[in-house]
Protein backbone atom coordinates (compact mmCIF):
# COMPACT_ATOMS: atom_id res chain seq x y z
CA MET A 1 148.56 133.67 155.07
CA LYS A 2 148.30 134.80 151.48
CA SER A 3 149.89 131.56 150.23
CA LEU A 4 147.47 129.55 152.38
CA TYR A 5 144.53 131.43 150.86
CA LEU A 6 145.81 130.80 147.31
CA GLY A 7 146.31 127.14 148.17
CA LEU A 8 142.71 126.79 149.30
CA ILE A 9 141.46 128.40 146.06
CA CYS A 10 143.59 126.01 143.98
CA LEU A 11 142.24 123.06 145.96
CA LEU A 12 138.66 124.19 145.33
CA LEU A 13 139.37 124.62 141.61
CA VAL A 14 140.86 121.11 141.34
CA SER A 15 137.92 119.63 143.21
CA SER A 16 135.38 121.36 140.97
CA CYS A 17 137.20 120.16 137.83
CA LYS A 18 137.10 116.56 139.01
CA SER A 19 133.43 116.57 139.96
CA GLU A 20 131.21 114.79 137.40
CA PRO A 21 127.90 116.26 136.31
CA LYS A 22 124.89 114.32 137.48
CA GLN A 23 123.78 111.70 135.01
CA THR A 24 120.08 111.78 134.27
CA SER A 25 118.53 108.76 132.61
CA LEU A 26 115.61 109.19 130.28
CA LYS A 27 113.30 106.19 130.18
CA VAL A 28 112.05 105.70 126.65
CA GLU A 29 109.03 103.49 126.46
CA THR A 30 108.74 101.44 123.28
CA LYS A 31 105.46 99.96 122.20
CA GLU A 32 105.46 96.20 121.89
CA LEU A 33 104.76 95.17 118.31
CA SER A 34 101.67 93.10 117.67
CA ILE A 35 101.91 89.65 116.11
CA ALA A 36 100.57 91.11 112.86
CA GLU A 37 103.30 93.77 112.84
CA LYS A 38 106.03 91.25 113.63
CA ILE A 39 104.96 89.00 110.76
CA ALA A 40 104.60 91.93 108.36
CA ASN A 41 108.02 93.35 109.31
CA ALA A 42 109.67 89.94 108.91
CA HIS A 43 108.52 90.07 105.29
CA GLY A 44 109.79 93.62 104.70
CA PHE A 45 106.79 95.77 105.55
CA GLU A 46 108.98 98.65 106.74
CA GLN A 47 110.07 99.07 103.11
CA TRP A 48 106.49 99.42 101.87
CA LYS A 49 106.36 103.19 102.41
CA ASN A 50 108.98 103.52 99.65
CA VAL A 51 107.14 101.39 97.06
CA SER A 52 105.78 103.22 94.01
CA GLU A 53 104.88 100.31 91.71
CA VAL A 54 104.19 96.57 91.96
CA LYS A 55 103.99 94.25 88.97
CA PHE A 56 103.11 90.56 89.02
CA THR A 57 101.37 87.73 87.18
CA PHE A 58 99.08 85.40 89.13
CA GLN A 59 98.93 81.81 87.87
CA VAL A 60 97.51 78.45 88.94
CA ASP A 61 98.65 75.08 87.61
CA THR A 62 96.82 71.84 88.38
CA ASP A 63 97.24 68.25 87.22
CA THR A 64 94.71 68.90 84.44
CA ARG A 65 95.51 72.41 83.23
CA ASN A 66 97.97 75.27 83.26
CA GLY A 67 96.65 78.71 84.10
CA LYS A 68 97.05 81.53 81.58
CA GLY A 69 97.59 84.00 84.39
CA ARG A 70 96.44 87.53 85.18
CA SER A 71 99.01 90.32 84.95
CA TRP A 72 98.75 93.43 87.11
CA SER A 73 100.52 96.71 87.69
CA TRP A 74 99.59 98.44 90.94
CA TYR A 75 100.51 101.98 91.96
CA PRO A 76 99.84 101.94 95.72
CA LYS A 77 100.41 105.64 96.33
CA THR A 78 97.47 106.51 94.05
CA ASP A 79 95.75 103.09 94.29
CA GLU A 80 95.55 102.84 90.52
CA VAL A 81 95.59 99.45 88.83
CA LEU A 82 96.53 98.36 85.31
CA PHE A 83 95.12 95.00 84.20
CA GLU A 84 96.64 93.27 81.16
CA SER A 85 94.11 90.93 79.56
CA LEU A 86 93.75 89.13 76.24
CA TYR A 87 91.64 92.09 75.12
CA GLY A 88 94.23 94.74 75.95
CA GLU A 89 95.07 96.90 78.93
CA LYS A 90 92.50 98.29 81.31
CA ARG A 91 93.43 100.96 83.85
CA TYR A 92 91.24 102.10 86.71
CA SER A 93 91.39 103.88 90.07
CA ARG A 94 90.21 101.91 93.08
CA SER A 95 88.92 105.12 94.66
CA ASP A 96 86.60 105.81 91.71
CA MET A 97 85.17 102.59 90.23
CA ASP A 98 81.97 101.87 88.36
CA SER A 99 80.15 98.58 87.89
CA THR A 100 82.13 97.69 84.76
CA GLN A 101 85.37 97.61 86.75
CA MET A 102 84.13 95.51 89.67
CA ALA A 103 84.88 92.15 88.02
CA ASN A 104 88.48 93.15 87.32
CA ASP A 105 88.86 94.56 90.81
CA ARG A 106 87.58 91.35 92.38
CA GLY A 107 90.37 89.50 90.58
CA PHE A 108 92.94 92.09 91.62
CA ILE A 109 91.96 91.94 95.30
CA ASN A 110 92.20 88.14 95.27
CA ASP A 111 95.58 88.06 93.53
CA LYS A 112 97.05 90.90 95.58
CA PHE A 113 95.87 89.21 98.77
CA TRP A 114 97.84 86.05 97.94
CA LEU A 115 100.92 88.11 97.04
CA PHE A 116 100.91 90.21 100.21
CA VAL A 117 99.32 87.99 102.86
CA PRO A 118 101.82 89.14 105.55
CA PHE A 119 100.98 92.80 104.87
CA GLN A 120 97.22 92.17 104.80
CA LEU A 121 97.48 91.32 108.50
CA VAL A 122 98.29 94.99 109.08
CA TRP A 123 96.22 96.53 106.29
CA ASP A 124 92.94 94.78 107.06
CA THR A 125 92.10 96.51 110.30
CA SER A 126 88.47 95.35 110.20
CA ALA A 127 89.54 91.70 110.53
CA THR A 128 90.30 90.05 113.86
CA ILE A 129 93.46 88.13 114.71
CA SER A 130 93.54 85.45 117.39
CA GLU A 131 96.21 85.02 120.03
CA PRO A 132 99.10 82.83 118.81
CA THR A 133 99.27 79.17 119.78
CA LYS A 134 101.56 76.28 118.98
CA ALA A 135 100.11 73.84 116.45
CA GLN A 136 101.07 71.16 113.96
CA ALA A 137 101.20 72.50 110.40
CA PRO A 138 98.76 70.61 108.18
CA ILE A 139 101.18 69.79 105.33
CA SER A 140 104.72 69.64 106.77
CA LYS A 141 103.48 68.36 110.17
CA ALA A 142 106.10 70.63 111.77
CA GLU A 143 105.28 72.38 115.03
CA LEU A 144 104.76 76.04 114.19
CA ASN A 145 103.03 79.11 115.58
CA ARG A 146 99.44 79.63 114.50
CA ILE A 147 97.10 82.61 114.37
CA THR A 148 93.64 82.84 112.82
CA LEU A 149 92.64 85.80 110.68
CA THR A 150 88.85 86.21 110.54
CA TYR A 151 86.94 88.70 108.41
CA SER A 152 83.68 90.41 109.26
CA ASP A 153 80.42 89.07 107.88
CA GLU A 154 79.87 92.41 106.18
CA GLY A 155 81.80 94.23 103.48
CA GLY A 156 84.43 93.10 101.00
CA TYR A 157 84.14 90.57 98.19
CA THR A 158 84.30 87.47 100.41
CA PRO A 159 82.89 88.37 103.85
CA GLY A 160 83.21 86.02 106.80
CA ASP A 161 86.22 84.04 105.57
CA ALA A 162 88.88 82.76 107.96
CA TYR A 163 92.55 81.85 107.53
CA ASP A 164 94.69 79.76 109.88
CA ILE A 165 98.23 81.05 109.37
CA PHE A 166 101.26 79.00 110.41
CA TYR A 167 104.58 80.81 110.86
CA ASP A 168 108.03 79.94 112.20
CA GLU A 169 110.13 81.47 114.99
CA GLN A 170 111.39 84.16 112.60
CA PHE A 171 107.73 85.15 111.89
CA ILE A 172 107.93 83.87 108.30
CA ILE A 173 104.68 82.30 107.05
CA ARG A 174 105.11 78.66 106.00
CA GLU A 175 101.55 77.35 105.49
CA TRP A 176 97.94 78.36 105.78
CA VAL A 177 94.41 76.98 105.77
CA TYR A 178 91.62 78.92 104.07
CA ARG A 179 88.13 78.29 105.48
CA LYS A 180 85.36 79.82 103.39
CA GLY A 181 82.75 81.55 105.50
CA ASN A 182 84.67 80.50 108.64
CA SER A 183 83.54 76.90 108.15
CA ALA A 184 85.01 74.23 110.41
CA GLU A 185 86.42 72.26 107.47
CA PRO A 186 89.31 73.55 105.32
CA SER A 187 88.43 74.87 101.88
CA LEU A 188 92.06 75.10 100.73
CA THR A 189 95.41 74.31 102.37
CA THR A 190 98.73 75.39 100.83
CA THR A 191 102.38 76.03 101.55
CA PHE A 192 104.22 79.33 101.41
CA GLU A 193 107.53 78.56 99.76
CA ASN A 194 110.21 79.63 97.31
CA TYR A 195 110.59 83.01 98.98
CA LYS A 196 112.38 85.68 96.96
CA ASP A 197 113.52 89.16 97.92
CA TYR A 198 112.34 92.14 95.87
CA ASN A 199 113.98 95.34 97.07
CA GLY A 200 113.75 94.21 100.68
CA ILE A 201 110.25 92.71 100.44
CA LYS A 202 110.05 88.93 100.83
CA ILE A 203 107.40 87.15 98.77
CA ALA A 204 106.47 83.46 98.70
CA THR A 205 106.30 82.80 94.96
CA ASP A 206 104.83 79.28 95.28
CA HIS A 207 101.79 77.97 97.17
CA LYS A 208 101.41 74.20 96.79
CA GLN A 209 98.84 71.75 97.99
CA GLU A 210 99.90 68.47 99.56
CA GLY A 211 100.89 66.02 96.84
CA GLY A 212 102.41 68.64 94.54
CA ASN A 213 99.82 68.47 91.72
CA TRP A 214 98.43 71.96 92.41
CA ASN A 215 100.44 75.15 92.55
CA LEU A 216 99.38 78.78 92.78
CA TYR A 217 102.40 80.86 91.87
CA PHE A 218 103.65 84.27 90.78
CA THR A 219 105.86 85.26 87.87
CA ASP A 220 107.10 88.57 86.44
CA ILE A 221 107.30 90.11 89.91
CA SER A 222 108.92 93.51 90.23
CA ILE A 223 108.73 96.06 93.03
CA THR A 224 109.90 99.59 92.24
CA LEU A 225 110.90 102.07 94.93
CA ASP A 226 110.45 105.83 94.81
CA ASP A 227 114.16 106.51 94.16
CA GLN A 228 114.22 104.04 91.25
CA LYS A 229 111.75 105.91 89.04
C-alpha cells in the first residue's frame, strides 16, 4: 500500500513537470505610418534626432550664368544659422530675429527647403498633404506615386504655394512640380537626382529642368552627428 502511494506521488510529480505554462499573447498595436512619414524615413529622417550641424552651399546654373552660391551652417538643436556672404559671416538665431536678418532668413528657408524636401513633409504640420495617386511624372514620363503638398494662405514667406511630389515604390522622391500660389499651371518642374548619403541621410544633390540647361544643386554638404563633435 505504501509503495502504491509513493507511486501515485511520483506519477503526479512527473505529470506536473511535463505540463506547459499557459502561453499568453500580447497584442501590440502599431500605428500605420503616414505617407509623409514613409517618405521622410526613406530619406533617413530617423537619423535627424542625432544631427547637430548641417553645412551646404546652394547654387543654380543656367544656360546663361553660373550661380555664385549661398553657403550656410545650421545648428538645428538651437536653430542658429551662420550665413557666409561676400561681406563676411553673419550669425543669427531663428528664435530671435530682427528686421535686418529677415532677408538672410528668407534665403535660408528657401535653400533649406530644397535640401530637405522629404523632411519638410513632416516638419510643416500647417500644410496639407493629399492622398497618393498614380500619375505620369512630368519629365521622365514614368508612372510614379504622386502627392500634393499645399501651404496655407497665411504665414510663412511664400503662403499658398503647392507642390506635386512624385516618388517611387521605395518612397524616394524623383520629381516635383512647384505651383506658385497653388496656380493650375506649373511655375517650375525639376528632377530629384544624384542622391548621396550623408551619415544616413539621403539628399538629392541635383534638381534639373527638362532639357538639362538649368540645374539647382548643392555642394559642400556635410551633416555632423552628436557623437562626432
